[in-house]
């Protein structure tokens, strides 16, 4: 009986430190560097475009060399709603004070063979900050307006 109580007590203590809370005095790991990307997609007449897939990727460095440098965050997708709006969170493994953010809008047509996507428009935003955040800092966000030709 004493062995069982002792083993249960040890298991509870180990579990408490593996799932930290402020009550047990353990502090959780800080969240990774991240960035909110939000915006709207409209056609040339200003009509919101719903049902599109928006993809966002942040690269280290300048936008002109975005394909040849390290991707630090993204590859995330979001769908546009009826008002053409989208919002997504990009988490990163590292901070960057001058990342290049590439945002693309696609039309996706699903069929039995696959899911082909047609690139409709894209925009690159230079000097985007991807940083860590905690209880004292707010997460950075970037607002992007995409217009179809």
Protein backbone atom coordinates (compact mmCIF):
# COMPACT_ATOMS: atom_id res chain seq x y z
CA UNK A 1 0.00 0.00 0.00
CA UNK A 2 2.79 2.42 0.90
CA UNK A 3 4.57 1.60 -2.39
CA UNK A 4 1.44 2.40 -4.36
CA UNK A 5 0.94 5.75 -2.58
CA UNK A 6 4.62 6.61 -3.06
CA UNK A 7 4.54 5.74 -6.78
CA UNK A 8 1.34 7.77 -7.29
CA UNK A 9 2.88 10.76 -5.48
CA UNK A 10 6.02 10.60 -7.65
CA UNK A 11 3.91 10.30 -10.80
CA UNK A 12 1.88 13.37 -9.82
CA UNK A 13 5.02 15.42 -9.12
CA UNK A 14 6.61 14.46 -12.43
CA UNK A 15 3.36 15.22 -14.26
CA UNK A 16 3.11 18.62 -12.57
CA UNK A 17 6.54 19.66 -13.82
CA UNK A 18 5.96 18.29 -17.31
CA UNK A 19 2.74 20.32 -17.60
CA UNK A 20 3.80 23.57 -15.91
CA UNK A 21 1.45 26.06 -14.39
CA UNK A 22 2.08 29.13 -12.31
CA UNK A 23 0.60 27.36 -9.30
CA UNK A 24 3.43 24.82 -9.16
CA UNK A 25 6.09 27.46 -9.72
CA UNK A 26 7.18 26.10 -13.09
CA UNK A 27 7.07 28.53 -15.98
CA UNK A 28 6.03 27.45 -19.47
CA UNK A 29 8.37 27.95 -22.40
CA UNK A 30 7.87 31.28 -24.18
CA UNK A 31 5.88 31.16 -27.40
CA UNK A 32 7.88 31.07 -30.64
CA UNK A 33 8.45 34.22 -32.69
CA UNK A 34 5.35 34.84 -34.76
CA UNK A 35 3.39 37.26 -36.89
CA UNK A 36 -0.31 37.71 -37.66
CA UNK A 37 -1.10 38.25 -41.33
CA UNK A 38 -4.56 39.54 -42.17
CA UNK A 39 -6.15 41.29 -45.07
CA UNK A 40 -8.64 41.30 -47.86
CA UNK A 41 -8.72 40.06 -51.47
CA UNK A 42 -10.76 42.04 -54.02
CA UNK A 43 -11.18 41.99 -57.77
CA UNK A 44 -10.31 44.98 -59.98
CA UNK A 45 -13.73 46.53 -59.34
CA UNK A 46 -13.30 46.31 -55.54
CA UNK A 47 -15.67 43.38 -55.04
CA UNK A 48 -14.58 41.04 -52.22
CA UNK A 49 -13.42 37.62 -53.43
CA UNK A 50 -14.63 34.77 -51.22
CA UNK A 51 -13.54 31.15 -51.27
CA UNK A 52 -9.93 31.81 -52.31
CA UNK A 53 -6.90 30.30 -50.61
CA UNK A 54 -4.32 32.78 -49.34
CA UNK A 55 -0.78 31.58 -48.61
CA UNK A 56 1.83 33.55 -46.65
CA UNK A 57 5.56 32.92 -46.25
CA UNK A 58 8.21 35.06 -44.54
CA UNK A 59 11.80 34.95 -45.78
CA UNK A 60 14.96 36.27 -44.15
CA UNK A 61 16.35 39.18 -46.11
CA UNK A 62 15.19 41.37 -48.94
CA UNK A 63 12.24 40.60 -51.16
CA UNK A 64 14.18 40.57 -54.42
CA UNK A 65 16.11 37.53 -53.22
CA UNK A 66 13.24 35.83 -51.38
CA UNK A 67 13.48 32.62 -53.39
CA UNK A 68 17.17 32.20 -52.67
CA UNK A 69 17.16 32.83 -48.91
CA UNK A 70 15.96 30.99 -45.87
CA UNK A 71 12.26 30.69 -45.19
CA UNK A 72 11.76 31.63 -41.54
CA UNK A 73 7.99 31.30 -41.20
CA UNK A 74 4.92 30.32 -43.05
CA UNK A 75 3.60 28.15 -45.71
CA UNK A 76 0.32 28.65 -43.89
CA UNK A 77 -2.99 28.90 -45.73
CA UNK A 78 -6.25 30.67 -44.94
CA UNK A 79 -9.50 30.88 -46.87
CA UNK A 80 -11.19 34.17 -47.65
CA UNK A 81 -14.64 34.65 -46.16
CA UNK A 82 -17.69 36.26 -47.80
CA UNK A 83 -16.14 39.71 -47.27
CA UNK A 84 -12.88 38.58 -48.92
CA UNK A 85 -11.05 38.71 -45.57
CA UNK A 86 -8.41 36.31 -44.29
CA UNK A 87 -6.29 35.96 -41.15
CA UNK A 88 -3.49 33.57 -40.19
CA UNK A 89 -0.69 33.13 -37.71
CA UNK A 90 2.84 32.48 -38.95
CA UNK A 91 5.10 30.91 -36.34
CA UNK A 92 8.85 31.04 -36.81
CA UNK A 93 11.92 29.33 -35.47
CA UNK A 94 13.82 32.61 -35.38
CA UNK A 95 13.29 36.34 -35.09
CA UNK A 96 13.90 38.75 -37.95
CA UNK A 97 13.80 42.54 -38.02
CA UNK A 98 13.64 42.75 -41.80
CA UNK A 99 11.87 39.73 -43.24
CA UNK A 100 10.21 39.67 -46.64
CA UNK A 101 6.56 38.62 -46.45
CA UNK A 102 5.11 37.06 -49.61
CA UNK A 103 1.33 36.72 -49.71
CA UNK A 104 -0.40 34.93 -52.59
CA UNK A 105 -4.05 34.32 -53.47
CA UNK A 106 -5.07 31.14 -55.30
CA UNK A 107 -8.25 29.74 -56.77
CA UNK A 108 -8.42 26.05 -55.90
CA UNK A 109 -10.59 23.68 -57.89
CA UNK A 110 -10.99 20.26 -56.35
CA UNK A 111 -11.61 17.24 -58.54
CA UNK A 112 -11.18 13.47 -58.34
CA UNK A 113 -7.58 13.60 -59.64
CA UNK A 114 -6.13 16.31 -57.42
CA UNK A 115 -6.40 19.87 -56.24
CA UNK A 116 -4.99 22.19 -58.91
CA UNK A 117 -4.43 25.78 -57.85
CA UNK A 118 -4.28 28.87 -60.04
CA UNK A 119 -2.21 31.79 -58.78
CA UNK A 120 -4.36 34.91 -59.08
CA UNK A 121 -2.17 37.57 -57.49
CA UNK A 122 0.69 38.06 -55.06
CA UNK A 123 2.29 40.82 -53.06
CA UNK A 124 5.63 41.13 -51.30
CA UNK A 125 6.04 43.33 -48.25
CA UNK A 126 9.64 44.20 -47.25
CA UNK A 127 11.02 44.87 -43.75
CA UNK A 128 8.45 42.89 -41.81
CA UNK A 129 9.37 42.18 -38.19
CA UNK A 130 8.92 38.63 -36.90
CA UNK A 131 9.61 38.62 -33.17
CA UNK A 132 9.06 36.77 -29.97
CA UNK A 133 6.31 37.90 -27.67
CA UNK A 134 5.31 37.32 -24.09
CA UNK A 135 2.87 38.68 -21.57
CA UNK A 136 4.34 42.20 -21.85
CA UNK A 137 4.55 42.40 -25.64
CA UNK A 138 1.81 42.24 -28.24
CA UNK A 139 2.16 40.12 -31.33
CA UNK A 140 3.00 42.08 -34.47
CA UNK A 141 0.56 42.00 -37.35
CA UNK A 142 0.63 42.95 -41.00
CA UNK A 143 -2.43 43.99 -43.00
CA UNK A 144 -2.32 43.09 -46.70
CA UNK A 145 -4.68 44.17 -49.45
CA UNK A 146 -4.56 41.96 -52.54
CA UNK A 147 -6.21 43.09 -55.77
CA UNK A 148 -6.87 40.81 -58.70
CA UNK A 149 -5.96 42.17 -62.14
